[in-house]
N, C-alpha and C. Protein backbone atom coordinates (compact mmCIF):
# COMPACT_ATOMS: atom_id res chain seq x y z
N MET A 1 0.82 -1.19 0.00
CA MET A 1 0.00 0.00 0.00
C MET A 1 0.86 1.25 0.00
N ALA A 2 2.04 1.17 0.60
CA ALA A 2 2.91 2.33 0.62
C ALA A 2 3.15 2.84 -0.79
N ALA A 3 3.39 1.94 -1.73
CA ALA A 3 3.61 2.34 -3.12
C ALA A 3 2.36 2.99 -3.71
N LEU A 4 1.19 2.49 -3.36
CA LEU A 4 -0.06 3.05 -3.85
C LEU A 4 -0.22 4.48 -3.36
N VAL A 5 0.01 4.71 -2.06
CA VAL A 5 -0.14 6.04 -1.48
C VAL A 5 0.95 6.97 -2.02
N GLU A 6 2.19 6.49 -2.12
CA GLU A 6 3.28 7.32 -2.61
C GLU A 6 3.09 7.72 -4.06
N SER A 7 2.50 6.85 -4.86
CA SER A 7 2.32 7.16 -6.28
C SER A 7 1.13 8.07 -6.52
N THR A 8 0.32 8.31 -5.50
CA THR A 8 -0.85 9.16 -5.61
C THR A 8 -0.60 10.42 -4.79
N LYS A 9 -0.49 11.55 -5.45
CA LYS A 9 -0.25 12.82 -4.77
C LYS A 9 -1.58 13.44 -4.39
N PHE A 10 -1.74 13.73 -3.09
CA PHE A 10 -2.94 14.41 -2.66
C PHE A 10 -2.63 15.26 -1.45
N GLN A 11 -3.41 16.30 -1.26
CA GLN A 11 -3.28 17.19 -0.12
C GLN A 11 -4.33 16.80 0.91
N LEU A 12 -4.04 17.08 2.18
CA LEU A 12 -4.99 16.71 3.24
C LEU A 12 -6.36 17.34 3.03
N ASP A 13 -6.39 18.55 2.50
CA ASP A 13 -7.68 19.22 2.33
C ASP A 13 -8.31 18.96 0.96
N SER A 14 -7.70 18.09 0.16
CA SER A 14 -8.32 17.76 -1.12
C SER A 14 -9.45 16.75 -0.92
N ALA A 15 -10.41 16.82 -1.81
CA ALA A 15 -11.57 15.93 -1.71
C ALA A 15 -11.16 14.49 -1.99
N ILE A 16 -11.82 13.57 -1.34
CA ILE A 16 -11.63 12.15 -1.62
C ILE A 16 -12.20 11.92 -3.02
N PRO A 17 -11.42 11.33 -3.94
CA PRO A 17 -11.84 11.22 -5.35
C PRO A 17 -13.18 10.51 -5.58
N THR A 18 -13.55 9.58 -4.71
CA THR A 18 -14.79 8.83 -4.91
C THR A 18 -15.96 9.42 -4.14
N GLY A 19 -15.80 10.62 -3.61
CA GLY A 19 -16.89 11.29 -2.92
C GLY A 19 -16.85 11.10 -1.42
N SER A 20 -17.96 11.38 -0.80
CA SER A 20 -18.10 11.35 0.65
C SER A 20 -18.33 9.93 1.17
N TRP A 21 -17.74 9.62 2.32
CA TRP A 21 -17.86 8.31 2.96
C TRP A 21 -18.21 8.49 4.43
N THR A 22 -18.92 7.52 5.02
CA THR A 22 -19.26 7.55 6.44
C THR A 22 -18.80 6.25 7.08
N LEU A 23 -18.18 6.38 8.26
CA LEU A 23 -17.77 5.21 9.03
C LEU A 23 -18.82 4.95 10.11
N TYR A 24 -19.33 3.72 10.14
CA TYR A 24 -20.32 3.30 11.12
C TYR A 24 -19.74 2.22 12.02
N PHE A 25 -20.27 2.17 13.24
CA PHE A 25 -19.93 1.10 14.19
C PHE A 25 -21.21 0.37 14.55
N HIS A 26 -21.12 -0.96 14.65
CA HIS A 26 -22.23 -1.79 15.12
C HIS A 26 -21.67 -2.71 16.19
N SER A 27 -22.26 -2.69 17.34
CA SER A 27 -21.76 -3.52 18.45
C SER A 27 -21.90 -5.00 18.11
N PRO A 28 -20.85 -5.78 18.35
CA PRO A 28 -20.95 -7.23 18.14
C PRO A 28 -22.00 -7.89 19.05
N ASP A 29 -22.36 -7.20 20.13
CA ASP A 29 -23.36 -7.75 21.06
C ASP A 29 -24.79 -7.42 20.65
N GLU A 30 -24.97 -6.50 19.72
CA GLU A 30 -26.30 -6.10 19.26
C GLU A 30 -26.85 -7.16 18.31
N THR A 31 -28.10 -7.58 18.56
CA THR A 31 -28.71 -8.62 17.73
C THR A 31 -29.60 -8.05 16.63
N LYS A 32 -30.00 -6.79 16.75
CA LYS A 32 -30.83 -6.17 15.72
C LYS A 32 -29.94 -5.52 14.67
N TRP A 33 -30.43 -5.56 13.44
CA TRP A 33 -29.70 -4.98 12.32
C TRP A 33 -30.59 -3.97 11.60
N THR A 34 -30.78 -2.81 12.22
CA THR A 34 -31.51 -1.71 11.61
C THR A 34 -30.58 -0.50 11.62
N LEU A 35 -30.90 0.50 10.83
CA LEU A 35 -30.04 1.68 10.77
C LEU A 35 -29.88 2.32 12.15
N ASN A 36 -30.90 2.18 13.00
CA ASN A 36 -30.84 2.75 14.35
C ASN A 36 -29.84 2.05 15.25
N THR A 37 -29.39 0.84 14.90
CA THR A 37 -28.44 0.11 15.75
C THR A 37 -26.99 0.41 15.35
N PHE A 38 -26.80 1.24 14.35
CA PHE A 38 -25.46 1.66 13.93
C PHE A 38 -25.16 3.04 14.49
N ILE A 39 -23.91 3.28 14.82
CA ILE A 39 -23.46 4.59 15.28
C ILE A 39 -22.56 5.18 14.20
N SER A 40 -22.90 6.38 13.74
CA SER A 40 -22.06 7.06 12.76
C SER A 40 -20.87 7.68 13.50
N LEU A 41 -19.66 7.32 13.08
CA LEU A 41 -18.45 7.83 13.72
C LEU A 41 -17.85 9.01 12.98
N GLY A 42 -18.35 9.30 11.81
CA GLY A 42 -17.85 10.46 11.09
C GLY A 42 -18.07 10.37 9.60
N VAL A 43 -18.27 11.53 9.01
CA VAL A 43 -18.41 11.66 7.56
C VAL A 43 -17.09 12.20 7.03
N MET A 44 -16.60 11.60 5.97
CA MET A 44 -15.31 11.99 5.41
C MET A 44 -15.46 12.46 3.97
N LYS A 45 -15.18 13.75 3.76
CA LYS A 45 -15.22 14.32 2.42
C LYS A 45 -13.83 14.65 1.91
N THR A 46 -12.88 14.85 2.85
CA THR A 46 -11.50 15.16 2.50
C THR A 46 -10.58 14.15 3.19
N TRP A 47 -9.31 14.14 2.75
CA TRP A 47 -8.34 13.25 3.40
C TRP A 47 -8.11 13.67 4.85
N ARG A 48 -8.22 14.96 5.14
CA ARG A 48 -8.08 15.41 6.53
C ARG A 48 -9.21 14.83 7.38
N ASP A 49 -10.43 14.85 6.85
CA ASP A 49 -11.56 14.23 7.57
C ASP A 49 -11.27 12.76 7.84
N PHE A 50 -10.77 12.07 6.82
CA PHE A 50 -10.49 10.64 6.95
C PHE A 50 -9.48 10.38 8.06
N TRP A 51 -8.35 11.09 8.01
CA TRP A 51 -7.30 10.83 9.02
C TRP A 51 -7.72 11.31 10.40
N THR A 52 -8.55 12.33 10.49
CA THR A 52 -9.06 12.79 11.79
C THR A 52 -9.92 11.70 12.43
N VAL A 53 -10.80 11.10 11.65
CA VAL A 53 -11.64 10.01 12.17
C VAL A 53 -10.78 8.80 12.54
N MET A 54 -9.86 8.42 11.67
CA MET A 54 -9.01 7.25 11.95
C MET A 54 -8.15 7.47 13.19
N ASP A 55 -7.55 8.66 13.31
CA ASP A 55 -6.72 8.94 14.48
C ASP A 55 -7.54 8.98 15.77
N GLY A 56 -8.75 9.54 15.69
CA GLY A 56 -9.63 9.58 16.87
C GLY A 56 -10.09 8.20 17.29
N LEU A 57 -10.23 7.33 16.34
CA LEU A 57 -10.69 5.97 16.61
C LEU A 57 -9.58 5.10 17.19
N GLN A 58 -8.36 5.42 16.87
CA GLN A 58 -7.20 4.58 17.18
C GLN A 58 -7.33 3.29 16.37
N ILE A 59 -6.63 3.27 15.28
CA ILE A 59 -6.75 2.23 14.26
C ILE A 59 -6.70 0.81 14.81
N GLU A 60 -5.92 0.58 15.87
CA GLU A 60 -5.82 -0.78 16.40
C GLU A 60 -7.16 -1.32 16.92
N HIS A 61 -8.11 -0.43 17.21
CA HIS A 61 -9.43 -0.87 17.69
C HIS A 61 -10.30 -1.45 16.58
N LEU A 62 -9.90 -1.27 15.34
CA LEU A 62 -10.71 -1.77 14.22
C LEU A 62 -10.89 -3.29 14.25
N SER A 63 -9.98 -4.01 14.87
CA SER A 63 -10.11 -5.47 14.90
C SER A 63 -11.00 -5.95 16.04
N ASN A 64 -11.50 -5.03 16.87
CA ASN A 64 -12.29 -5.41 18.04
C ASN A 64 -13.79 -5.14 17.90
N GLY A 65 -14.20 -4.57 16.80
CA GLY A 65 -15.62 -4.25 16.64
C GLY A 65 -16.04 -4.44 15.20
N MET A 66 -17.29 -4.14 14.94
CA MET A 66 -17.84 -4.24 13.59
C MET A 66 -17.93 -2.83 13.02
N PHE A 67 -17.11 -2.57 12.01
CA PHE A 67 -17.04 -1.25 11.41
C PHE A 67 -17.43 -1.35 9.94
N PHE A 68 -18.08 -0.31 9.46
CA PHE A 68 -18.59 -0.26 8.09
C PHE A 68 -18.24 1.10 7.49
N MET A 69 -17.34 1.13 6.54
CA MET A 69 -17.01 2.36 5.81
C MET A 69 -17.87 2.34 4.56
N MET A 70 -18.83 3.27 4.49
CA MET A 70 -19.82 3.23 3.42
C MET A 70 -19.78 4.50 2.57
N ARG A 71 -19.86 4.30 1.25
CA ARG A 71 -19.94 5.42 0.31
C ARG A 71 -21.30 6.08 0.50
N ASP A 72 -21.31 7.38 0.72
CA ASP A 72 -22.58 8.09 0.90
C ASP A 72 -23.36 8.11 -0.41
N PRO A 73 -24.67 7.92 -0.36
CA PRO A 73 -25.56 7.79 0.79
C PRO A 73 -25.88 6.33 1.17
N SER A 74 -25.04 5.39 0.81
CA SER A 74 -25.32 3.97 1.05
C SER A 74 -25.31 3.63 2.54
N PRO A 75 -26.39 3.07 3.06
CA PRO A 75 -26.40 2.65 4.47
C PRO A 75 -25.66 1.32 4.64
N PRO A 76 -25.27 0.98 5.86
CA PRO A 76 -24.55 -0.28 6.10
C PRO A 76 -25.47 -1.49 6.23
N LEU A 77 -26.45 -1.58 5.36
CA LEU A 77 -27.41 -2.69 5.36
C LEU A 77 -27.42 -3.31 3.96
N TRP A 78 -27.06 -4.58 3.86
CA TRP A 78 -26.93 -5.21 2.55
C TRP A 78 -28.25 -5.26 1.78
N GLU A 79 -29.37 -5.27 2.49
CA GLU A 79 -30.67 -5.36 1.80
C GLU A 79 -31.15 -4.01 1.26
N SER A 80 -30.39 -2.95 1.45
CA SER A 80 -30.72 -1.63 0.91
C SER A 80 -30.74 -1.69 -0.61
N HIS A 81 -31.53 -0.81 -1.23
CA HIS A 81 -31.58 -0.76 -2.69
C HIS A 81 -30.22 -0.38 -3.29
N HIS A 82 -29.33 0.20 -2.50
CA HIS A 82 -27.98 0.54 -2.98
C HIS A 82 -27.13 -0.71 -3.18
N HIS A 83 -27.47 -1.80 -2.48
CA HIS A 83 -26.61 -2.98 -2.44
C HIS A 83 -27.25 -4.28 -2.94
N ILE A 84 -28.55 -4.42 -2.88
CA ILE A 84 -29.21 -5.71 -3.03
C ILE A 84 -28.86 -6.42 -4.35
N ARG A 85 -28.55 -5.69 -5.40
CA ARG A 85 -28.16 -6.32 -6.67
C ARG A 85 -26.67 -6.62 -6.73
N GLY A 86 -25.97 -6.30 -5.65
CA GLY A 86 -24.54 -6.55 -5.59
C GLY A 86 -24.22 -7.73 -4.71
N GLY A 87 -23.07 -7.67 -4.10
CA GLY A 87 -22.62 -8.73 -3.23
C GLY A 87 -21.36 -8.29 -2.52
N CYS A 88 -20.63 -9.26 -1.97
CA CYS A 88 -19.41 -8.88 -1.27
C CYS A 88 -18.29 -9.87 -1.52
N TYR A 89 -17.11 -9.31 -1.61
CA TYR A 89 -15.87 -10.07 -1.66
C TYR A 89 -15.41 -10.20 -0.22
N SER A 90 -15.24 -11.42 0.28
CA SER A 90 -14.87 -11.64 1.68
C SER A 90 -13.52 -12.34 1.76
N PHE A 91 -12.76 -11.95 2.77
CA PHE A 91 -11.52 -12.66 3.06
C PHE A 91 -11.20 -12.51 4.53
N ARG A 92 -10.43 -13.43 5.05
CA ARG A 92 -10.07 -13.38 6.46
C ARG A 92 -8.61 -12.99 6.60
N CYS A 93 -8.31 -12.37 7.73
CA CYS A 93 -6.94 -12.00 8.04
C CYS A 93 -6.75 -12.10 9.55
N GLN A 94 -5.53 -12.29 9.97
CA GLN A 94 -5.23 -12.40 11.39
C GLN A 94 -5.58 -11.09 12.10
N SER A 95 -6.08 -11.18 13.32
CA SER A 95 -6.50 -9.99 14.07
C SER A 95 -5.40 -8.96 14.19
N ALA A 96 -4.16 -9.40 14.38
CA ALA A 96 -3.04 -8.46 14.54
C ALA A 96 -2.81 -7.63 13.28
N ASP A 97 -3.10 -8.21 12.12
CA ASP A 97 -2.88 -7.53 10.84
C ASP A 97 -4.13 -6.81 10.33
N ALA A 98 -5.28 -7.13 10.88
CA ALA A 98 -6.56 -6.66 10.34
C ALA A 98 -6.69 -5.14 10.25
N PRO A 99 -6.33 -4.37 11.29
CA PRO A 99 -6.51 -2.92 11.17
C PRO A 99 -5.75 -2.31 9.99
N ASP A 100 -4.50 -2.70 9.81
CA ASP A 100 -3.71 -2.16 8.70
C ASP A 100 -4.28 -2.60 7.35
N ILE A 101 -4.66 -3.86 7.25
CA ILE A 101 -5.23 -4.36 6.00
C ILE A 101 -6.54 -3.64 5.68
N TYR A 102 -7.38 -3.43 6.70
CA TYR A 102 -8.66 -2.74 6.50
C TYR A 102 -8.43 -1.30 6.03
N VAL A 103 -7.55 -0.57 6.71
CA VAL A 103 -7.29 0.82 6.33
C VAL A 103 -6.69 0.89 4.92
N ASN A 104 -5.77 -0.01 4.60
CA ASN A 104 -5.19 -0.03 3.26
C ASN A 104 -6.25 -0.26 2.19
N HIS A 105 -7.20 -1.14 2.48
CA HIS A 105 -8.28 -1.40 1.52
C HIS A 105 -9.23 -0.21 1.43
N ILE A 106 -9.48 0.47 2.54
CA ILE A 106 -10.31 1.67 2.50
C ILE A 106 -9.67 2.72 1.59
N ILE A 107 -8.38 2.96 1.79
CA ILE A 107 -7.68 3.94 0.96
C ILE A 107 -7.74 3.54 -0.51
N ALA A 108 -7.53 2.26 -0.80
CA ALA A 108 -7.61 1.79 -2.18
C ALA A 108 -8.99 2.03 -2.78
N VAL A 109 -10.05 1.79 -2.01
CA VAL A 109 -11.41 2.04 -2.50
C VAL A 109 -11.63 3.52 -2.74
N MET A 110 -11.18 4.35 -1.79
CA MET A 110 -11.38 5.80 -1.93
C MET A 110 -10.61 6.37 -3.13
N LEU A 111 -9.52 5.72 -3.50
CA LEU A 111 -8.74 6.14 -4.67
C LEU A 111 -9.19 5.43 -5.95
N ASP A 112 -10.18 4.55 -5.82
CA ASP A 112 -10.70 3.77 -6.96
C ASP A 112 -9.65 2.81 -7.51
N HIS A 113 -8.82 2.24 -6.61
CA HIS A 113 -7.77 1.31 -7.02
C HIS A 113 -8.04 -0.13 -6.59
N LEU A 114 -9.10 -0.39 -5.82
CA LEU A 114 -9.34 -1.75 -5.35
C LEU A 114 -9.92 -2.64 -6.45
N THR A 115 -10.69 -2.04 -7.34
CA THR A 115 -11.31 -2.78 -8.45
C THR A 115 -11.29 -1.90 -9.69
N ASP A 116 -11.75 -2.45 -10.78
CA ASP A 116 -12.01 -1.66 -11.98
C ASP A 116 -13.01 -0.57 -11.57
N PRO A 117 -12.81 0.69 -11.96
CA PRO A 117 -13.75 1.74 -11.57
C PRO A 117 -15.21 1.44 -11.92
N ALA A 118 -15.46 0.63 -12.94
CA ALA A 118 -16.84 0.26 -13.29
C ALA A 118 -17.46 -0.64 -12.22
N ASN A 119 -16.64 -1.32 -11.44
CA ASN A 119 -17.11 -2.19 -10.36
C ASN A 119 -17.17 -1.34 -9.09
N GLN A 120 -18.27 -0.63 -8.92
CA GLN A 120 -18.37 0.31 -7.80
C GLN A 120 -18.44 -0.42 -6.46
N ILE A 121 -17.51 -0.08 -5.59
CA ILE A 121 -17.52 -0.60 -4.23
C ILE A 121 -18.25 0.43 -3.37
N ASN A 122 -19.33 0.01 -2.73
CA ASN A 122 -20.12 0.90 -1.89
C ASN A 122 -19.72 0.86 -0.42
N GLY A 123 -18.95 -0.14 -0.03
CA GLY A 123 -18.58 -0.21 1.38
C GLY A 123 -17.54 -1.27 1.65
N LEU A 124 -16.92 -1.11 2.82
CA LEU A 124 -15.96 -2.09 3.34
C LEU A 124 -16.32 -2.32 4.79
N SER A 125 -16.46 -3.57 5.17
CA SER A 125 -16.78 -3.88 6.57
C SER A 125 -15.70 -4.78 7.15
N ILE A 126 -15.59 -4.73 8.47
CA ILE A 126 -14.67 -5.60 9.19
C ILE A 126 -15.40 -6.13 10.41
N SER A 127 -15.28 -7.43 10.64
CA SER A 127 -15.97 -8.09 11.77
C SER A 127 -14.99 -8.99 12.50
N PRO A 128 -15.01 -8.95 13.84
CA PRO A 128 -14.10 -9.81 14.60
C PRO A 128 -14.62 -11.23 14.72
N LYS A 129 -13.71 -12.16 14.68
CA LYS A 129 -13.98 -13.57 14.95
C LYS A 129 -12.96 -14.01 15.99
N ARG A 130 -12.84 -15.28 16.29
CA ARG A 130 -11.86 -15.74 17.27
C ARG A 130 -10.48 -15.86 16.62
N GLY A 131 -9.62 -14.89 16.90
CA GLY A 131 -8.26 -14.92 16.39
C GLY A 131 -8.08 -14.35 14.99
N PHE A 132 -9.17 -13.99 14.34
CA PHE A 132 -9.06 -13.41 13.00
C PHE A 132 -10.22 -12.47 12.76
N ASN A 133 -10.19 -11.78 11.65
CA ASN A 133 -11.25 -10.87 11.25
C ASN A 133 -11.67 -11.20 9.82
N ILE A 134 -12.91 -10.85 9.51
CA ILE A 134 -13.42 -10.96 8.14
C ILE A 134 -13.58 -9.54 7.60
N ILE A 135 -12.99 -9.31 6.45
CA ILE A 135 -13.16 -8.04 5.76
C ILE A 135 -13.97 -8.30 4.50
N LYS A 136 -14.96 -7.42 4.27
CA LYS A 136 -15.82 -7.57 3.09
C LYS A 136 -15.84 -6.27 2.31
N ALA A 137 -15.70 -6.39 1.00
CA ALA A 137 -15.85 -5.26 0.08
C ALA A 137 -17.19 -5.43 -0.62
N TRP A 138 -18.09 -4.48 -0.41
CA TRP A 138 -19.45 -4.55 -0.94
C TRP A 138 -19.53 -3.86 -2.30
N ASN A 139 -19.97 -4.59 -3.31
CA ASN A 139 -20.17 -3.93 -4.61
C ASN A 139 -21.67 -3.87 -4.93
N ASN A 140 -22.00 -3.22 -6.04
CA ASN A 140 -23.43 -3.03 -6.36
C ASN A 140 -23.86 -3.74 -7.64
N ASN A 141 -23.03 -4.66 -8.17
CA ASN A 141 -23.39 -5.32 -9.42
C ASN A 141 -22.83 -6.74 -9.45
N ALA A 142 -23.58 -7.67 -8.88
CA ALA A 142 -23.14 -9.07 -8.85
C ALA A 142 -23.25 -9.74 -10.21
N ALA A 143 -24.08 -9.23 -11.09
CA ALA A 143 -24.24 -9.85 -12.40
C ALA A 143 -22.97 -9.71 -13.24
N THR A 144 -22.32 -8.57 -13.16
CA THR A 144 -21.13 -8.31 -13.97
C THR A 144 -19.84 -8.59 -13.21
N PHE A 145 -19.80 -8.23 -11.93
CA PHE A 145 -18.57 -8.34 -11.14
C PHE A 145 -18.78 -9.30 -9.98
N HIS A 146 -18.20 -10.49 -10.06
CA HIS A 146 -18.43 -11.50 -9.03
C HIS A 146 -17.27 -12.48 -8.90
N LYS A 147 -16.16 -12.20 -9.54
CA LYS A 147 -15.01 -13.11 -9.48
C LYS A 147 -13.99 -12.60 -8.46
N PRO A 148 -13.39 -13.48 -7.68
CA PRO A 148 -12.34 -13.04 -6.75
C PRO A 148 -11.23 -12.25 -7.45
N SER A 149 -10.98 -12.55 -8.71
CA SER A 149 -9.93 -11.83 -9.45
C SER A 149 -10.30 -10.37 -9.74
N ASP A 150 -11.56 -9.98 -9.46
CA ASP A 150 -11.97 -8.59 -9.64
C ASP A 150 -11.24 -7.65 -8.68
N LEU A 151 -10.82 -8.17 -7.51
CA LEU A 151 -10.14 -7.34 -6.52
C LEU A 151 -8.66 -7.22 -6.85
N ASN A 152 -8.15 -6.00 -6.71
CA ASN A 152 -6.72 -5.75 -6.87
C ASN A 152 -6.03 -6.14 -5.57
N THR A 153 -5.21 -7.15 -5.61
CA THR A 153 -4.51 -7.60 -4.40
C THR A 153 -3.01 -7.32 -4.47
N THR A 154 -2.58 -6.52 -5.43
CA THR A 154 -1.14 -6.29 -5.60
C THR A 154 -0.52 -5.54 -4.44
N PHE A 155 -1.30 -4.78 -3.68
CA PHE A 155 -0.76 -4.01 -2.56
C PHE A 155 -0.98 -4.72 -1.22
N SER A 156 -1.46 -5.93 -1.23
CA SER A 156 -1.91 -6.60 -0.02
C SER A 156 -1.30 -7.99 0.10
N THR A 157 -1.39 -8.54 1.29
CA THR A 157 -0.95 -9.93 1.52
C THR A 157 -2.06 -10.91 1.18
N ILE A 158 -3.24 -10.42 0.84
CA ILE A 158 -4.38 -11.27 0.50
C ILE A 158 -4.16 -11.82 -0.91
N ARG A 159 -4.37 -13.11 -1.06
CA ARG A 159 -4.25 -13.75 -2.37
C ARG A 159 -5.64 -13.98 -2.95
N GLU A 160 -5.69 -14.03 -4.26
CA GLU A 160 -6.97 -14.25 -4.95
C GLU A 160 -7.68 -15.50 -4.44
N GLY A 161 -6.94 -16.56 -4.15
CA GLY A 161 -7.53 -17.80 -3.66
C GLY A 161 -8.14 -17.70 -2.28
N ASP A 162 -7.84 -16.60 -1.56
CA ASP A 162 -8.39 -16.38 -0.22
C ASP A 162 -9.72 -15.64 -0.26
N ILE A 163 -10.14 -15.19 -1.43
CA ILE A 163 -11.33 -14.33 -1.57
C ILE A 163 -12.53 -15.17 -2.01
N ILE A 164 -13.65 -14.92 -1.35
CA ILE A 164 -14.93 -15.57 -1.70
C ILE A 164 -15.92 -14.46 -2.05
N TYR A 165 -16.67 -14.63 -3.14
CA TYR A 165 -17.69 -13.66 -3.50
C TYR A 165 -19.06 -14.26 -3.21
N THR A 166 -19.92 -13.46 -2.56
CA THR A 166 -21.29 -13.89 -2.24
C THR A 166 -22.28 -12.82 -2.70
N PRO A 167 -23.18 -13.13 -3.62
CA PRO A 167 -24.23 -12.17 -4.00
C PRO A 167 -25.19 -11.95 -2.82
N PHE A 168 -25.61 -10.72 -2.62
CA PHE A 168 -26.52 -10.44 -1.51
C PHE A 168 -27.88 -11.11 -1.69
N VAL A 169 -28.31 -11.36 -2.92
CA VAL A 169 -29.60 -12.01 -3.13
C VAL A 169 -29.62 -13.44 -2.59
N GLN A 170 -28.45 -14.02 -2.31
CA GLN A 170 -28.39 -15.36 -1.72
C GLN A 170 -28.48 -15.34 -0.20
N LYS A 171 -28.48 -14.15 0.39
CA LYS A 171 -28.57 -14.05 1.85
C LYS A 171 -30.03 -14.13 2.27
N LYS A 172 -30.25 -14.58 3.50
CA LYS A 172 -31.61 -14.67 4.02
C LYS A 172 -31.98 -13.36 4.69
N MET A 173 -33.22 -12.95 4.46
CA MET A 173 -33.73 -11.72 5.09
C MET A 173 -34.15 -12.01 6.50
């Protein structure tokens, strides 16, 4: 990711190229999944906004909760009309590495480098498990984009064989 960030020149007060994003938190202990059960931790329109939210959160805490970085106005609910025709690319990573991997993938999405720009990623989520985390990249078009090879893994330790794609229409309501 260092090469990705170094090759992209941006100022802290410049707009995030893919628009505004919101970071949400959902307690792992919460059993309801409605918009009211999510806490908005900040809206990010510039790189300064992004780093202010990340620094305030303390990045290492990302592996301990359920966080959802969502492209505005997409809510963190897969059954939303923003997502239902899409799906998610999922992969697991060790808890110790998860915060850095998650932030690197967020930056890649915000720079439109995680996938082909036509494969719009509406969100990235991270969920804790025992000893590892699951990271999911949510797209909005499962009909066209559904192969693990759709994700750019050149900046990451994640291999194509570690990625599983699941269309949201296969999930139970």
